[in-house]
C-alpha cells in the first residue's frame, strides 16, 4: 500500500509503468499495441490461477491523497515492482508512505477481476 500526496505524480507514474511493463511481459503481449494490456480481460481460469504472476490492485484518490493498493506473488512480480519504485529501504515521509511487510501474505488474490492494470477508483 502506498499513500501519497495527490500532487506527487512521479512515483505513481513509475508504479503504473512498472505494473504495466511486468504484466505485458507475463501475458506475452510484448508485440501487441502499447495499450492492449489496458483492454485485455482475464479469463475466469486466469483470475483463479494462484500461479499467474500478474500484479493487480487499485488507486483511490481525492483532493489531498492518493492511496495505491497493489498485490502480486511474493518473490516474483510484486518484488519487481518494489524494485522499480525504489522504496524498499527509504524511510516514510509525510507526503509519501509505503506500507509493506514481506512477512505478511495472503492465500488468494483479491483483485484479479480488475485485470492487468490498476483500477482507478
Foldseek 3Di string as FASTA:
>chain_A
DKKAWPPPCVLVVQLQVLLLVVLCVLVVNPVPPSCPQVPDFDDPCLLFDQPRFHKEWAWEDDNTMIDTDIDGDQPPSVVSSCVRSVCPPPDADPRMDDDDDSVDDDDHDDGCRVGRGHHYD
